[in-house]
Amino acid sequence: MAQDPVLASFRQSIDNIDAALIFMLAERFKITKAVGEYKAKTDLPPADPGREEEQIARMKRLAVDADLDPDFSEKFLRFVIDEVIRHHERIRDES
């Protein structure tokens, strides 16, 4: 069965965006790893609830501007933050 060229084009764009998201997340986690190492070295706590709440509020505002569900953006960022904190705790424990 021949593939629908319009659908194939949409899917190619989605695949490209997914790849960009993965590379961007990888870069983000490289930087948060450096933050975790700095926090461990300077005896700072792995989590910063005030900063986290500021970032969530900021992301929700950006989501509204981008016509994206702000609740989704909050869930996504909380997932990322939880993963970063887990990494920071592991770095601290290994120090």
N, C-alpha and C. Protein backbone atom coordinates (compact mmCIF):
# COMPACT_ATOMS: atom_id res chain seq x y z
N MET A 1 0.85 -1.19 0.00
CA MET A 1 0.00 0.00 0.00
C MET A 1 0.90 1.25 0.00
N ALA A 2 0.63 2.17 -0.87
CA ALA A 2 1.41 3.41 -0.96
C ALA A 2 1.12 4.30 0.24
N GLN A 3 2.18 4.95 0.72
CA GLN A 3 2.02 5.82 1.87
C GLN A 3 1.48 7.18 1.43
N ASP A 4 0.59 7.70 2.20
CA ASP A 4 0.03 9.03 1.95
C ASP A 4 1.14 10.07 2.08
N PRO A 5 1.47 10.84 1.05
CA PRO A 5 2.58 11.78 1.09
C PRO A 5 2.37 12.93 2.08
N VAL A 6 1.14 13.34 2.27
CA VAL A 6 0.86 14.42 3.23
C VAL A 6 1.12 13.91 4.64
N LEU A 7 0.60 12.74 4.94
CA LEU A 7 0.81 12.14 6.27
C LEU A 7 2.30 11.87 6.49
N ALA A 8 2.98 11.39 5.48
CA ALA A 8 4.42 11.12 5.59
C ALA A 8 5.19 12.40 5.89
N SER A 9 4.80 13.49 5.28
CA SER A 9 5.45 14.78 5.53
C SER A 9 5.22 15.24 6.97
N PHE A 10 3.99 15.12 7.45
CA PHE A 10 3.69 15.47 8.85
C PHE A 10 4.53 14.62 9.79
N ARG A 11 4.58 13.33 9.52
CA ARG A 11 5.32 12.42 10.40
C ARG A 11 6.81 12.72 10.39
N GLN A 12 7.35 13.10 9.24
CA GLN A 12 8.76 13.46 9.16
C GLN A 12 9.04 14.70 10.02
N SER A 13 8.14 15.66 9.97
CA SER A 13 8.30 16.85 10.80
C SER A 13 8.23 16.49 12.29
N ILE A 14 7.31 15.63 12.65
CA ILE A 14 7.20 15.18 14.04
C ILE A 14 8.48 14.47 14.47
N ASP A 15 8.99 13.61 13.61
CA ASP A 15 10.24 12.89 13.92
C ASP A 15 11.40 13.87 14.13
N ASN A 16 11.47 14.89 13.29
CA ASN A 16 12.53 15.90 13.43
C ASN A 16 12.40 16.66 14.74
N ILE A 17 11.18 17.02 15.09
CA ILE A 17 10.95 17.74 16.35
C ILE A 17 11.30 16.84 17.54
N ASP A 18 10.90 15.58 17.48
CA ASP A 18 11.24 14.64 18.57
C ASP A 18 12.75 14.54 18.74
N ALA A 19 13.47 14.45 17.64
CA ALA A 19 14.94 14.37 17.72
C ALA A 19 15.50 15.64 18.35
N ALA A 20 15.00 16.79 17.95
CA ALA A 20 15.47 18.06 18.52
C ALA A 20 15.18 18.11 20.02
N LEU A 21 14.01 17.65 20.43
CA LEU A 21 13.67 17.62 21.86
C LEU A 21 14.65 16.75 22.65
N ILE A 22 14.99 15.60 22.12
CA ILE A 22 15.91 14.70 22.81
C ILE A 22 17.28 15.35 22.96
N PHE A 23 17.78 15.97 21.89
CA PHE A 23 19.08 16.62 21.98
C PHE A 23 19.05 17.81 22.92
N MET A 24 17.95 18.54 22.94
CA MET A 24 17.83 19.68 23.86
C MET A 24 17.77 19.20 25.31
N LEU A 25 17.05 18.12 25.56
CA LEU A 25 17.00 17.57 26.91
C LEU A 25 18.38 17.07 27.34
N ALA A 26 19.10 16.46 26.42
CA ALA A 26 20.45 15.99 26.73
C ALA A 26 21.34 17.16 27.13
N GLU A 27 21.27 18.26 26.41
CA GLU A 27 22.05 19.45 26.75
C GLU A 27 21.63 20.01 28.11
N ARG A 28 20.34 20.03 28.34
CA ARG A 28 19.84 20.53 29.63
C ARG A 28 20.39 19.69 30.78
N PHE A 29 20.37 18.38 30.60
CA PHE A 29 20.84 17.50 31.67
C PHE A 29 22.36 17.58 31.85
N LYS A 30 23.10 17.90 30.80
CA LYS A 30 24.55 18.12 30.97
C LYS A 30 24.78 19.30 31.90
N ILE A 31 24.00 20.36 31.71
CA ILE A 31 24.16 21.54 32.55
C ILE A 31 23.67 21.28 33.96
N THR A 32 22.54 20.60 34.10
CA THR A 32 22.05 20.34 35.46
C THR A 32 22.99 19.38 36.19
N LYS A 33 23.70 18.54 35.46
CA LYS A 33 24.71 17.69 36.11
C LYS A 33 25.81 18.56 36.70
N ALA A 34 26.25 19.56 35.96
CA ALA A 34 27.27 20.48 36.47
C ALA A 34 26.74 21.23 37.69
N VAL A 35 25.47 21.61 37.65
CA VAL A 35 24.85 22.27 38.81
C VAL A 35 24.87 21.32 40.01
N GLY A 36 24.52 20.07 39.79
CA GLY A 36 24.52 19.08 40.88
C GLY A 36 25.90 18.89 41.47
N GLU A 37 26.92 18.85 40.61
CA GLU A 37 28.29 18.72 41.10
C GLU A 37 28.69 19.94 41.92
N TYR A 38 28.31 21.12 41.45
CA TYR A 38 28.61 22.35 42.19
C TYR A 38 27.88 22.35 43.53
N LYS A 39 26.62 21.97 43.53
CA LYS A 39 25.86 21.93 44.78
C LYS A 39 26.48 20.95 45.77
N ALA A 40 26.92 19.80 45.29
CA ALA A 40 27.55 18.81 46.18
C ALA A 40 28.85 19.36 46.74
N LYS A 41 29.63 20.02 45.90
CA LYS A 41 30.92 20.57 46.32
C LYS A 41 30.75 21.70 47.33
N THR A 42 29.70 22.48 47.18
CA THR A 42 29.48 23.64 48.05
C THR A 42 28.46 23.36 49.14
N ASP A 43 28.08 22.10 49.28
CA ASP A 43 27.15 21.65 50.33
C ASP A 43 25.79 22.34 50.25
N LEU A 44 25.30 22.54 49.04
CA LEU A 44 23.96 23.09 48.85
C LEU A 44 22.98 21.93 48.68
N PRO A 45 21.74 22.12 49.06
CA PRO A 45 20.77 21.02 48.93
C PRO A 45 20.46 20.71 47.46
N PRO A 46 20.12 19.46 47.18
CA PRO A 46 19.81 19.06 45.80
C PRO A 46 18.59 19.79 45.23
N ALA A 47 17.62 20.09 46.07
CA ALA A 47 16.39 20.74 45.62
C ALA A 47 16.38 22.20 46.03
N ASP A 48 15.70 23.02 45.24
CA ASP A 48 15.51 24.44 45.54
C ASP A 48 14.05 24.75 45.26
N PRO A 49 13.17 24.48 46.24
CA PRO A 49 11.73 24.63 46.01
C PRO A 49 11.31 26.02 45.50
N GLY A 50 11.95 27.07 45.97
CA GLY A 50 11.60 28.41 45.51
C GLY A 50 11.89 28.58 44.02
N ARG A 51 13.07 28.15 43.61
CA ARG A 51 13.45 28.22 42.19
C ARG A 51 12.51 27.35 41.35
N GLU A 52 12.19 26.17 41.87
CA GLU A 52 11.31 25.27 41.12
C GLU A 52 9.94 25.90 40.88
N GLU A 53 9.38 26.52 41.89
CA GLU A 53 8.07 27.16 41.74
C GLU A 53 8.14 28.33 40.77
N GLU A 54 9.23 29.11 40.82
CA GLU A 54 9.41 30.21 39.86
C GLU A 54 9.47 29.68 38.44
N GLN A 55 10.20 28.59 38.25
CA GLN A 55 10.33 28.01 36.90
C GLN A 55 9.00 27.45 36.40
N ILE A 56 8.26 26.83 37.29
CA ILE A 56 6.96 26.28 36.89
C ILE A 56 6.02 27.41 36.48
N ALA A 57 5.99 28.48 37.26
CA ALA A 57 5.14 29.63 36.91
C ALA A 57 5.59 30.22 35.58
N ARG A 58 6.90 30.33 35.38
CA ARG A 58 7.44 30.87 34.12
C ARG A 58 7.03 29.99 32.94
N MET A 59 7.17 28.67 33.10
CA MET A 59 6.83 27.74 32.01
C MET A 59 5.34 27.79 31.70
N LYS A 60 4.52 27.94 32.72
CA LYS A 60 3.08 28.03 32.49
C LYS A 60 2.73 29.29 31.70
N ARG A 61 3.41 30.40 32.01
CA ARG A 61 3.18 31.63 31.24
C ARG A 61 3.62 31.44 29.79
N LEU A 62 4.79 30.81 29.60
CA LEU A 62 5.25 30.54 28.24
C LEU A 62 4.28 29.63 27.49
N ALA A 63 3.76 28.64 28.19
CA ALA A 63 2.81 27.72 27.56
C ALA A 63 1.57 28.47 27.08
N VAL A 64 1.06 29.36 27.91
CA VAL A 64 -0.12 30.14 27.51
C VAL A 64 0.21 30.94 26.26
N ASP A 65 1.37 31.59 26.26
CA ASP A 65 1.78 32.38 25.08
C ASP A 65 1.93 31.51 23.83
N ALA A 66 2.32 30.26 24.02
CA ALA A 66 2.53 29.35 22.90
C ALA A 66 1.28 28.55 22.53
N ASP A 67 0.18 28.84 23.21
CA ASP A 67 -1.07 28.11 23.00
C ASP A 67 -0.92 26.62 23.31
N LEU A 68 -0.21 26.35 24.40
CA LEU A 68 -0.02 24.99 24.91
C LEU A 68 -0.69 24.92 26.27
N ASP A 69 -1.24 23.78 26.60
CA ASP A 69 -1.90 23.59 27.88
C ASP A 69 -0.91 23.83 29.02
N PRO A 70 -1.14 24.85 29.86
CA PRO A 70 -0.20 25.14 30.94
C PRO A 70 -0.09 24.01 31.97
N ASP A 71 -1.17 23.25 32.14
CA ASP A 71 -1.10 22.12 33.06
C ASP A 71 -0.14 21.05 32.53
N PHE A 72 -0.16 20.85 31.21
CA PHE A 72 0.78 19.91 30.61
C PHE A 72 2.21 20.40 30.83
N SER A 73 2.45 21.69 30.62
CA SER A 73 3.81 22.21 30.79
C SER A 73 4.27 22.03 32.23
N GLU A 74 3.36 22.21 33.18
CA GLU A 74 3.73 22.01 34.59
C GLU A 74 4.07 20.54 34.85
N LYS A 75 3.26 19.63 34.35
CA LYS A 75 3.54 18.20 34.55
C LYS A 75 4.88 17.83 33.94
N PHE A 76 5.14 18.34 32.74
CA PHE A 76 6.40 18.04 32.06
C PHE A 76 7.58 18.58 32.87
N LEU A 77 7.50 19.84 33.30
CA LEU A 77 8.61 20.43 34.04
C LEU A 77 8.79 19.74 35.39
N ARG A 78 7.71 19.40 36.06
CA ARG A 78 7.84 18.68 37.35
C ARG A 78 8.55 17.34 37.13
N PHE A 79 8.23 16.66 36.05
CA PHE A 79 8.91 15.40 35.75
C PHE A 79 10.40 15.64 35.57
N VAL A 80 10.77 16.68 34.82
CA VAL A 80 12.18 17.00 34.59
C VAL A 80 12.84 17.39 35.91
N ILE A 81 12.19 18.24 36.69
CA ILE A 81 12.75 18.67 37.98
C ILE A 81 12.98 17.48 38.89
N ASP A 82 12.02 16.58 38.98
CA ASP A 82 12.16 15.40 39.83
C ASP A 82 13.36 14.57 39.40
N GLU A 83 13.55 14.44 38.10
CA GLU A 83 14.70 13.67 37.59
C GLU A 83 16.01 14.38 37.91
N VAL A 84 16.04 15.70 37.77
CA VAL A 84 17.24 16.47 38.10
C VAL A 84 17.58 16.32 39.58
N ILE A 85 16.59 16.44 40.45
CA ILE A 85 16.82 16.29 41.89
C ILE A 85 17.35 14.90 42.20
N ARG A 86 16.79 13.89 41.55
CA ARG A 86 17.28 12.52 41.76
C ARG A 86 18.75 12.42 41.38
N HIS A 87 19.12 13.03 40.27
CA HIS A 87 20.53 13.03 39.85
C HIS A 87 21.39 13.79 40.85
N HIS A 88 20.91 14.94 41.32
CA HIS A 88 21.67 15.73 42.29
C HIS A 88 21.87 14.96 43.60
N GLU A 89 20.85 14.25 44.03
CA GLU A 89 20.98 13.44 45.25
C GLU A 89 22.02 12.35 45.07
N ARG A 90 22.03 11.73 43.91
CA ARG A 90 23.01 10.68 43.62
C ARG A 90 24.42 11.25 43.60
N ILE A 91 24.58 12.42 42.98
CA ILE A 91 25.89 13.08 42.95
C ILE A 91 26.34 13.40 44.36
N ARG A 92 25.44 13.94 45.17
CA ARG A 92 25.77 14.27 46.57
C ARG A 92 26.18 13.01 47.34
N ASP A 93 25.46 11.95 47.15
CA ASP A 93 25.76 10.70 47.87
C ASP A 93 27.10 10.11 47.45
N GLU A 94 27.50 10.35 46.19
CA GLU A 94 28.76 9.81 45.69
C GLU A 94 29.95 10.69 46.10
N SER A 95 29.67 11.91 46.57
CA SER A 95 30.76 12.84 46.93
C SER A 95 31.34 12.54 48.29
